[in-house]
Amino acid sequence: MDAKIHGSLEPGEKYGRHSGTSRVPDVRFLSGPQSRFRELMMGLKAFRELISGFRQLHFVGPCVTVFGSARFPEAHPHYEFARRVGESLAMAGFTVMTGGGPGIMEAANRGAKGVGGRSVGCNIMLPMEQTPNPYLDKFVDFDYFFIRKLMLAKYSYAFVALPGGFGTLDELFEIATLVQTRKVEEFPIVLGGSEFWNPMLDFLRHTMAREGTISMADVDRFHVSDSPEEIASIVSEVASRKFGLQKGVPRPRWWMLER
C-alpha cells in the first residue's frame, strides 16, 4: 500500500518543514479570495474527492467510527484499551473506521482485524507523513479536512471517542453539534475512559449547561464507559432498536459499475 498518513506535529514544528504550506490544499482553500479560475479548480478538485470517497466507501458495511490520539505507543494502556474496543465492535458485526494512523487509530483497527472483522481508514494528507497502520482492509486518502470528516461521519451508526487531542475534540464536538441540531440522526456517542473524559463532562455540566449555552440533554447524549464490551453493547442496542440496522455488507452491483 503506497498511501501515506500524517503523524502528530511535535512542538515547534511548522507545516513548512518539508516543502512549505503550498502542498496543503486546505491552506490554499482557506487563504481568502483567489482568482475565479483557481477557486473553480479547487472546487472541482474537492467535488472529485467527494465522489471518490463515496464510491470507495459505499460498501464498507455498517461502521462505527473510533476517534483518538495518534501519539500513544503500543505499550500504553490507552492503546490496549482501544485494541479491545476494536475487537468488541468487530465481534458485534461492525466495520471499525478510524483516521488510519498510528496510536489509538492503529489499536482499534488492529483489534478489529485480529478477530476477523473489517477495518477501514480515512486519512488526511499533511506534510508530516508516515506509512499507514498495517491493519486496514481499505485505506482512503483525503486532501481536504471537511471531506475527510464527512466520510468519518457518513457511514457510521455510532461514534466512540477515546483519549485524544485537538483533532479528537474537533471530531467529537462536530458530531455532537450535528446530533444536537438534528442534522444527523441521534446516533450514540460513547466516551471511552471515564478518568480522561469526566473533567470535560464536569465542565459541560457545571459551566456550559449552568450558563445556558447548552442544555443538560446535550450532555446526557454522551455515554461514558470503561468497558469495551459495554461500548459494543451500547452501540449494538441503539443501532438495532432505533435504526433497525441489519448486519451484513451490501454487495456491489456490476450494472452500476460499482466495485
C-alpha atoms as a PDB file:
ATOM      1  CA  MET A   1       0.000   0.000   0.000  1.00  0.00           C
ATOM      2  CA  ASP A   2       1.615   3.256  -1.102  1.00  0.00           C
ATOM      3  CA  ALA A   3      -0.736   5.711   0.630  1.00  0.00           C
ATOM      4  CA  LYS A   4       0.722   7.854   3.384  1.00  0.00           C
ATOM      5  CA  ILE A   5      -0.674   9.017   6.718  1.00  0.00           C
ATOM      6  CA  HIS A   6       0.353  12.009   8.781  1.00  0.00           C
ATOM      7  CA  GLY A   7       1.740  11.812  12.266  1.00  0.00           C
ATOM      8  CA  SER A   8       1.439  14.354  15.042  1.00  0.00           C
ATOM      9  CA  LEU A   9       3.439  17.558  14.775  1.00  0.00           C
ATOM     10  CA  GLU A  10       5.861  17.943  17.632  1.00  0.00           C
ATOM     11  CA  PRO A  11       6.050  21.267  19.479  1.00  0.00           C
ATOM     12  CA  GLY A  12       7.884  23.844  17.402  1.00  0.00           C
ATOM     13  CA  GLU A  13       7.482  22.066  14.075  1.00  0.00           C
ATOM     14  CA  LYS A  14       5.944  24.043  11.229  1.00  0.00           C
ATOM     15  CA  TYR A  15       3.838  22.922   8.315  1.00  0.00           C
ATOM     16  CA  GLY A  16       6.516  24.237   6.009  1.00  0.00           C
ATOM     17  CA  ARG A  17       9.214  21.938   7.395  1.00  0.00           C
ATOM     18  CA  HIS A  18       9.129  19.546   4.431  1.00  0.00           C
ATOM     19  CA  SER A  19       8.181  21.615   1.422  1.00  0.00           C
ATOM     20  CA  GLY A  20       6.094  24.541   2.558  1.00  0.00           C
ATOM     21  CA  THR A  21       2.420  25.225   3.057  1.00  0.00           C
ATOM     22  CA  SER A  22       1.820  25.247  -0.688  1.00  0.00           C
ATOM     23  CA  ARG A  23       1.483  21.463  -0.522  1.00  0.00           C
ATOM     24  CA  VAL A  24      -1.550  21.603   1.792  1.00  0.00           C
ATOM     25  CA  PRO A  25      -4.828  22.055  -0.146  1.00  0.00           C
ATOM     26  CA  ASP A  26      -6.745  23.292   2.917  1.00  0.00           C
ATOM     27  CA  VAL A  27      -4.209  26.113   3.358  1.00  0.00           C
ATOM     28  CA  ARG A  28      -4.764  27.308  -0.207  1.00  0.00           C
ATOM     29  CA  PHE A  29      -8.514  26.741   0.030  1.00  0.00           C
ATOM     30  CA  LEU A  30      -8.840  28.847   3.200  1.00  0.00           C
ATOM     31  CA  SER A  31      -6.429  31.631   2.267  1.00  0.00           C
ATOM     32  CA  GLY A  32      -9.085  34.141   1.263  1.00  0.00           C
ATOM     33  CA  PRO A  33     -10.298  35.182  -2.197  1.00  0.00           C
ATOM     34  CA  GLN A  34      -8.204  33.997  -5.125  1.00  0.00           C
ATOM     35  CA  SER A  35      -8.690  34.134  -8.853  1.00  0.00           C
ATOM     36  CA  ARG A  36     -12.039  32.856 -10.104  1.00  0.00           C
ATOM     37  CA  PHE A  37     -10.246  30.212 -12.140  1.00  0.00           C
ATOM     38  CA  ARG A  38      -8.209  28.936  -9.168  1.00  0.00           C
ATOM     39  CA  GLU A  39     -11.294  28.776  -6.973  1.00  0.00           C
ATOM     40  CA  LEU A  40     -13.166  26.891  -9.687  1.00  0.00           C
ATOM     41  CA  MET A  41     -10.308  24.388  -9.938  1.00  0.00           C
ATOM     42  CA  MET A  42     -10.222  23.886  -6.168  1.00  0.00           C
ATOM     43  CA  GLY A  43     -13.987  23.408  -6.144  1.00  0.00           C
ATOM     44  CA  LEU A  44     -13.771  20.793  -8.881  1.00  0.00           C
ATOM     45  CA  LYS A  45     -10.955  19.010  -7.068  1.00  0.00           C
ATOM     46  CA  ALA A  46     -12.977  18.945  -3.854  1.00  0.00           C
ATOM     47  CA  PHE A  47     -16.000  17.590  -5.742  1.00  0.00           C
ATOM     48  CA  ARG A  48     -13.886  14.875  -7.354  1.00  0.00           C
ATOM     49  CA  GLU A  49     -12.523  13.890  -3.939  1.00  0.00           C
ATOM     50  CA  LEU A  50     -16.034  13.824  -2.519  1.00  0.00           C
ATOM     51  CA  ILE A  51     -17.348  11.495  -5.239  1.00  0.00           C
ATOM     52  CA  SER A  52     -14.261   9.289  -4.974  1.00  0.00           C
ATOM     53  CA  GLY A  53     -14.850   8.910  -1.244  1.00  0.00           C
ATOM     54  CA  PHE A  54     -18.485   7.970  -1.796  1.00  0.00           C
ATOM     55  CA  ARG A  55     -17.562   5.302  -4.329  1.00  0.00           C
ATOM     56  CA  GLN A  56     -14.728   3.791  -2.314  1.00  0.00           C
ATOM     57  CA  LEU A  57     -16.612   3.633   0.984  1.00  0.00           C
ATOM     58  CA  HIS A  58     -20.103   2.736  -0.220  1.00  0.00           C
ATOM     59  CA  PHE A  59     -19.701  -0.970   0.518  1.00  0.00           C
ATOM     60  CA  VAL A  60     -17.696  -0.930   3.732  1.00  0.00           C
ATOM     61  CA  GLY A  61     -20.738  -2.053   5.710  1.00  0.00           C
ATOM     62  CA  PRO A  62     -22.251  -0.533   8.858  1.00  0.00           C
ATOM     63  CA  CYS A  63     -19.407   1.325  10.560  1.00  0.00           C
ATOM     64  CA  VAL A  64     -18.527   2.615  13.976  1.00  0.00           C
ATOM     65  CA  THR A  65     -16.008   5.458  13.860  1.00  0.00           C
ATOM     66  CA  VAL A  66     -13.349   5.459  16.567  1.00  0.00           C
ATOM     67  CA  PHE A  67     -11.589   8.758  17.305  1.00  0.00           C
ATOM     68  CA  GLY A  68      -8.379   9.040  19.323  1.00  0.00           C
ATOM     69  CA  SER A  69      -4.802  10.251  19.509  1.00  0.00           C
ATOM     70  CA  ALA A  70      -2.027   9.144  17.162  1.00  0.00           C
ATOM     71  CA  ARG A  71       0.558   9.640  19.930  1.00  0.00           C
ATOM     72  CA  PHE A  72       0.063   6.621  22.187  1.00  0.00           C
ATOM     73  CA  PRO A  73       2.629   3.825  21.692  1.00  0.00           C
ATOM     74  CA  GLU A  74       1.783   0.144  21.722  1.00  0.00           C
ATOM     75  CA  ALA A  75       2.802  -0.264  25.370  1.00  0.00           C
ATOM     76  CA  HIS A  76       0.415   2.447  26.614  1.00  0.00           C
ATOM     77  CA  PRO A  77      -2.756   1.368  28.462  1.00  0.00           C
ATOM     78  CA  HIS A  78      -4.896   3.556  26.174  1.00  0.00           C
ATOM     79  CA  TYR A  79      -3.557   1.613  23.166  1.00  0.00           C
ATOM     80  CA  GLU A  80      -4.565  -1.700  24.718  1.00  0.00           C
ATOM     81  CA  PHE A  81      -7.987  -0.349  25.638  1.00  0.00           C
ATOM     82  CA  ALA A  82      -8.531   0.855  22.064  1.00  0.00           C
ATOM     83  CA  ARG A  83      -7.496  -2.536  20.701  1.00  0.00           C
ATOM     84  CA  ARG A  84     -10.086  -4.237  22.886  1.00  0.00           C
ATOM     85  CA  VAL A  85     -12.713  -1.715  21.769  1.00  0.00           C
ATOM     86  CA  GLY A  86     -11.944  -2.572  18.151  1.00  0.00           C
ATOM     87  CA  GLU A  87     -12.259  -6.280  18.924  1.00  0.00           C
ATOM     88  CA  SER A  88     -15.615  -5.859  20.660  1.00  0.00           C
ATOM     89  CA  LEU A  89     -17.081  -3.701  17.902  1.00  0.00           C
ATOM     90  CA  ALA A  90     -15.948  -6.131  15.196  1.00  0.00           C
ATOM     91  CA  MET A  91     -17.365  -9.100  17.094  1.00  0.00           C
ATOM     92  CA  ALA A  92     -20.668  -7.208  17.274  1.00  0.00           C
ATOM     93  CA  GLY A  93     -20.682  -7.097  13.463  1.00  0.00           C
ATOM     94  CA  PHE A  94     -19.480  -3.540  12.792  1.00  0.00           C
ATOM     95  CA  THR A  95     -16.764  -2.269  10.479  1.00  0.00           C
ATOM     96  CA  VAL A  96     -14.266  -0.259  12.526  1.00  0.00           C
ATOM     97  CA  MET A  97     -13.455   3.063  10.859  1.00  0.00           C
ATOM     98  CA  THR A  98     -10.638   5.353  12.008  1.00  0.00           C
ATOM     99  CA  GLY A  99      -8.313   8.005  10.641  1.00  0.00           C
ATOM    100  CA  GLY A 100      -5.997   5.164   9.599  1.00  0.00           C
ATOM    101  CA  GLY A 101      -2.945   6.357  11.501  1.00  0.00           C
ATOM    102  CA  PRO A 102      -0.926   5.132  14.488  1.00  0.00           C
ATOM    103  CA  GLY A 103      -1.763   5.182  18.185  1.00  0.00           C
ATOM    104  CA  ILE A 104      -5.426   4.801  19.117  1.00  0.00           C
ATOM    105  CA  MET A 105      -6.401   4.502  15.455  1.00  0.00           C
ATOM    106  CA  GLU A 106      -3.975   1.662  14.827  1.00  0.00           C
ATOM    107  CA  ALA A 107      -5.060  -0.099  18.008  1.00  0.00           C
ATOM    108  CA  ALA A 108      -8.760  -0.028  17.101  1.00  0.00           C
ATOM    109  CA  ASN A 109      -8.052  -1.238  13.548  1.00  0.00           C
ATOM    110  CA  ARG A 110      -5.749  -3.900  14.934  1.00  0.00           C
ATOM    111  CA  GLY A 111      -8.384  -5.171  17.334  1.00  0.00           C
ATOM    112  CA  ALA A 112     -10.959  -5.466  14.563  1.00  0.00           C
ATOM    113  CA  LYS A 113      -8.532  -7.166  12.194  1.00  0.00           C
ATOM    114  CA  GLY A 114      -7.388  -9.579  14.880  1.00  0.00           C
ATOM    115  CA  VAL A 115     -10.852 -11.121  15.258  1.00  0.00           C
ATOM    116  CA  GLY A 116     -11.560 -11.258  11.535  1.00  0.00           C
ATOM    117  CA  GLY A 117     -13.554  -8.009  11.398  1.00  0.00           C
ATOM    118  CA  ARG A 118     -13.471  -5.290   8.758  1.00  0.00           C
ATOM    119  CA  SER A 119     -11.136  -2.339   9.244  1.00  0.00           C
ATOM    120  CA  VAL A 120     -11.159   0.972   7.339  1.00  0.00           C
ATOM    121  CA  GLY A 121      -9.007   4.117   7.490  1.00  0.00           C
ATOM    122  CA  CYS A 122      -9.726   7.665   6.234  1.00  0.00           C
ATOM    123  CA  ASN A 123      -6.507   9.650   6.121  1.00  0.00           C
ATOM    124  CA  ILE A 124      -5.947  13.379   5.826  1.00  0.00           C
ATOM    125  CA  MET A 125      -2.789  14.207   3.873  1.00  0.00           C
ATOM    126  CA  LEU A 126      -0.487  16.580   5.761  1.00  0.00           C
ATOM    127  CA  PRO A 127       3.198  17.482   5.348  1.00  0.00           C
ATOM    128  CA  MET A 128       4.143  15.356   8.380  1.00  0.00           C
ATOM    129  CA  GLU A 129       3.587  11.922   6.865  1.00  0.00           C
ATOM    130  CA  GLN A 130       4.299   8.305   7.699  1.00  0.00           C
ATOM    131  CA  THR A 131       3.108   4.940   6.488  1.00  0.00           C
ATOM    132  CA  PRO A 132      -0.455   3.907   7.406  1.00  0.00           C
ATOM    133  CA  ASN A 133      -1.036   1.329  10.074  1.00  0.00           C
ATOM    134  CA  PRO A 134      -0.883  -2.237   8.744  1.00  0.00           C
ATOM    135  CA  TYR A 135      -4.314  -3.336   9.967  1.00  0.00           C
ATOM    136  CA  LEU A 136      -6.530  -1.848   7.261  1.00  0.00           C
ATOM    137  CA  ASP A 137      -8.698  -3.637   4.705  1.00  0.00           C
ATOM    138  CA  LYS A 138      -9.340  -0.334   2.927  1.00  0.00           C
ATOM    139  CA  PHE A 139      -7.492   2.966   3.144  1.00  0.00           C
ATOM    140  CA  VAL A 140      -8.646   6.225   1.530  1.00  0.00           C
ATOM    141  CA  ASP A 141      -6.588   9.444   1.289  1.00  0.00           C
ATOM    142  CA  PHE A 142      -8.191  12.886   1.508  1.00  0.00           C
ATOM    143  CA  ASP A 143      -6.650  16.303   0.876  1.00  0.00           C
ATOM    144  CA  TYR A 144      -9.486  18.290   2.455  1.00  0.00           C
ATOM    145  CA  PHE A 145     -10.341  18.098   6.137  1.00  0.00           C
ATOM    146  CA  PHE A 146     -14.031  18.798   5.628  1.00  0.00           C
ATOM    147  CA  ILE A 147     -14.414  15.922   3.153  1.00  0.00           C
ATOM    148  CA  ARG A 148     -12.498  13.505   5.359  1.00  0.00           C
ATOM    149  CA  LYS A 149     -14.651  14.441   8.362  1.00  0.00           C
ATOM    150  CA  LEU A 150     -17.774  13.969   6.271  1.00  0.00           C
ATOM    151  CA  MET A 151     -16.699  10.420   5.383  1.00  0.00           C
ATOM    152  CA  LEU A 152     -15.930   9.580   9.012  1.00  0.00           C
ATOM    153  CA  ALA A 153     -19.495  10.604   9.858  1.00  0.00           C
ATOM    154  CA  LYS A 154     -21.490   9.474   6.834  1.00  0.00           C
ATOM    155  CA  TYR A 155     -21.052   5.707   7.096  1.00  0.00           C
ATOM    156  CA  SER A 156     -21.245   5.237  10.869  1.00  0.00           C
ATOM    157  CA  TYR A 157     -24.079   4.291  13.189  1.00  0.00           C
ATOM    158  CA  ALA A 158     -22.126   5.296  16.290  1.00  0.00           C
ATOM    159  CA  PHE A 159     -19.031   7.201  17.354  1.00  0.00           C
ATOM    160  CA  VAL A 160     -16.523   6.215  20.021  1.00  0.00           C
ATOM    161  CA  ALA A 161     -14.126   8.865  21.317  1.00  0.00           C
ATOM    162  CA  LEU A 162     -11.070   7.563  23.118  1.00  0.00           C
ATOM    163  CA  PRO A 163      -8.348   9.729  24.701  1.00  0.00           C
ATOM    164  CA  GLY A 164      -7.022  12.250  22.211  1.00  0.00           C
ATOM    165  CA  GLY A 165      -6.040  15.821  21.472  1.00  0.00           C
ATOM    166  CA  PHE A 166      -7.356  18.758  19.443  1.00  0.00           C
ATOM    167  CA  GLY A 167      -8.282  16.593  16.463  1.00  0.00           C
ATOM    168  CA  THR A 168     -10.274  14.180  18.614  1.00  0.00           C
ATOM    169  CA  LEU A 169     -12.138  17.022  20.314  1.00  0.00           C
ATOM    170  CA  ASP A 170     -12.821  18.649  16.945  1.00  0.00           C
ATOM    171  CA  GLU A 171     -14.320  15.433  15.573  1.00  0.00           C
ATOM    172  CA  LEU A 172     -16.222  14.669  18.779  1.00  0.00           C
ATOM    173  CA  PHE A 173     -17.894  18.063  19.071  1.00  0.00           C
ATOM    174  CA  GLU A 174     -18.685  18.257  15.370  1.00  0.00           C
ATOM    175  CA  ILE A 175     -20.655  15.015  15.718  1.00  0.00           C
ATOM    176  CA  ALA A 176     -22.269  16.291  18.929  1.00  0.00           C
ATOM    177  CA  THR A 177     -23.291  19.506  17.140  1.00  0.00           C
ATOM    178  CA  LEU A 178     -24.763  17.578  14.199  1.00  0.00           C
ATOM    179  CA  VAL A 179     -26.816  15.459  16.606  1.00  0.00           C
ATOM    180  CA  GLN A 180     -27.835  18.485  18.694  1.00  0.00           C
ATOM    181  CA  THR A 181     -29.047  20.406  15.628  1.00  0.00           C
ATOM    182  CA  ARG A 182     -30.681  17.280  14.136  1.00  0.00           C
ATOM    183  CA  LYS A 183     -28.583  17.400  11.009  1.00  0.00           C
ATOM    184  CA  VAL A 184     -27.961  13.686  11.588  1.00  0.00           C
ATOM    185  CA  GLU A 185     -29.873  11.017  13.455  1.00  0.00           C
ATOM    186  CA  GLU A 186     -29.302  10.719  17.194  1.00  0.00           C
ATOM    187  CA  PHE A 187     -26.533   8.197  16.817  1.00  0.00           C
ATOM    188  CA  PRO A 188     -24.866   7.094  20.062  1.00  0.00           C
ATOM    189  CA  ILE A 189     -21.707   8.940  21.089  1.00  0.00           C
ATOM    190  CA  VAL A 190     -19.603   6.942  23.529  1.00  0.00           C
ATOM    191  CA  LEU A 191     -16.659   8.295  25.512  1.00  0.00           C
ATOM    192  CA  GLY A 192     -14.233   5.516  26.326  1.00  0.00           C
ATOM    193  CA  GLY A 193     -12.248   6.104  29.510  1.00  0.00           C
ATOM    194  CA  SER A 194     -14.059   7.868  32.358  1.00  0.00           C
ATOM    195  CA  GLU A 195     -10.897   9.195  34.027  1.00  0.00           C
ATOM    196  CA  PHE A 196      -9.923  11.030  30.856  1.00  0.00           C
ATOM    197  CA  TRP A 197     -13.383  12.366  29.920  1.00  0.00           C
ATOM    198  CA  ASN A 198     -15.023  13.151  33.274  1.00  0.00           C
ATOM    199  CA  PRO A 199     -13.268  16.538  33.706  1.00  0.00           C
ATOM    200  CA  MET A 200     -14.648  17.624  30.334  1.00  0.00           C
ATOM    201  CA  LEU A 201     -18.135  16.410  31.249  1.00  0.00           C
ATOM    202  CA  ASP A 202     -17.923  18.326  34.537  1.00  0.00           C
ATOM    203  CA  PHE A 203     -17.146  21.477  32.555  1.00  0.00           C
ATOM    204  CA  LEU A 204     -20.093  20.851  30.246  1.00  0.00           C
ATOM    205  CA  ARG A 205     -22.464  20.273  33.176  1.00  0.00           C
ATOM    206  CA  HIS A 206     -21.283  22.848  35.684  1.00  0.00           C
ATOM    207  CA  THR A 207     -20.219  25.663  33.376  1.00  0.00           C
ATOM    208  CA  MET A 208     -21.809  25.453  29.945  1.00  0.00           C
ATOM    209  CA  ALA A 209     -25.157  23.954  30.983  1.00  0.00           C
ATOM    210  CA  ARG A 210     -25.359  26.238  34.019  1.00  0.00           C
ATOM    211  CA  GLU A 211     -24.717  29.280  31.840  1.00  0.00           C
ATOM    212  CA  GLY A 212     -27.378  28.069  29.415  1.00  0.00           C
ATOM    213  CA  THR A 213     -25.119  27.718  26.377  1.00  0.00           C
ATOM    214  CA  ILE A 214     -26.145  24.063  26.144  1.00  0.00           C
ATOM    215  CA  SER A 215     -28.822  22.007  27.851  1.00  0.00           C
ATOM    216  CA  MET A 216     -28.382  19.067  30.186  1.00  0.00           C
ATOM    217  CA  ALA A 217     -29.963  16.937  27.462  1.00  0.00           C
ATOM    218  CA  ASP A 218     -26.953  17.761  25.286  1.00  0.00           C
ATOM    219  CA  VAL A 219     -24.609  16.464  27.992  1.00  0.00           C
ATOM    220  CA  ASP A 220     -26.727  13.378  28.609  1.00  0.00           C
ATOM    221  CA  ARG A 221     -26.260  12.304  24.992  1.00  0.00           C
ATOM    222  CA  PHE A 222     -22.745  11.191  25.868  1.00  0.00           C
ATOM    223  CA  HIS A 223     -22.375   7.631  27.145  1.00  0.00           C
ATOM    224  CA  VAL A 224     -19.287   7.004  29.265  1.00  0.00           C
ATOM    225  CA  SER A 225     -17.780   3.563  29.724  1.00  0.00           C
ATOM    226  CA  ASP A 226     -14.576   1.843  30.805  1.00  0.00           C
ATOM    227  CA  SER A 227     -15.645  -1.490  29.318  1.00  0.00           C
ATOM    228  CA  PRO A 228     -15.038  -2.363  25.648  1.00  0.00           C
ATOM    229  CA  GLU A 229     -17.795  -4.943  25.858  1.00  0.00           C
ATOM    230  CA  GLU A 230     -20.253  -2.387  27.236  1.00  0.00           C
ATOM    231  CA  ILE A 231     -19.309   0.089  24.499  1.00  0.00           C
ATOM    232  CA  ALA A 232     -20.104  -2.513  21.830  1.00  0.00           C
ATOM    233  CA  SER A 233     -23.337  -3.400  23.628  1.00  0.00           C
ATOM    234  CA  ILE A 234     -24.494   0.233  23.718  1.00  0.00           C
ATOM    235  CA  VAL A 235     -23.748   0.653  20.026  1.00  0.00           C
ATOM    236  CA  SER A 236     -25.448  -2.615  19.033  1.00  0.00           C
ATOM    237  CA  GLU A 237     -28.557  -1.976  21.094  1.00  0.00           C
ATOM    238  CA  VAL A 238     -29.161   1.526  19.771  1.00  0.00           C
ATOM    239  CA  ALA A 239     -28.314   0.596  16.184  1.00  0.00           C
ATOM    240  CA  SER A 240     -30.723  -2.341  16.085  1.00  0.00           C
ATOM    241  CA  ARG A 241     -33.536  -0.924  18.240  1.00  0.00           C
ATOM    242  CA  LYS A 242     -33.625   2.651  16.999  1.00  0.00           C
ATOM    243  CA  PHE A 243     -32.343   2.385  13.445  1.00  0.00           C
ATOM    244  CA  GLY A 244     -33.305  -1.169  12.535  1.00  0.00           C
ATOM    245  CA  LEU A 245     -29.751  -1.977  11.469  1.00  0.00           C
ATOM    246  CA  GLN A 246     -29.307  -5.424   9.985  1.00  0.00           C
ATOM    247  CA  LYS A 247     -25.856  -6.937   9.929  1.00  0.00           C
ATOM    248  CA  GLY A 248     -24.071  -7.693   6.712  1.00  0.00           C
ATOM    249  CA  VAL A 249     -22.260  -5.812   3.985  1.00  0.00           C
ATOM    250  CA  PRO A 250     -24.125  -4.784   0.798  1.00  0.00           C
ATOM    251  CA  ARG A 251     -22.740  -6.241  -2.403  1.00  0.00           C
ATOM    252  CA  PRO A 252     -21.628  -4.113  -5.380  1.00  0.00           C
ATOM    253  CA  ARG A 253     -23.878  -4.119  -8.446  1.00  0.00           C
ATOM    254  CA  TRP A 254     -21.932  -4.628 -11.648  1.00  0.00           C
ATOM    255  CA  TRP A 255     -24.529  -2.860 -13.800  1.00  0.00           C
ATOM    256  CA  MET A 256     -23.915   0.326 -11.754  1.00  0.00           C
ATOM    257  CA  LEU A 257     -20.147  -0.012 -12.355  1.00  0.00           C
ATOM    258  CA  GLU A 258     -19.714  -0.497  -8.610  1.00  0.00           C
ATOM    259  CA  ARG A 259     -16.809  -2.399  -7.135  1.00  0.00           C
END
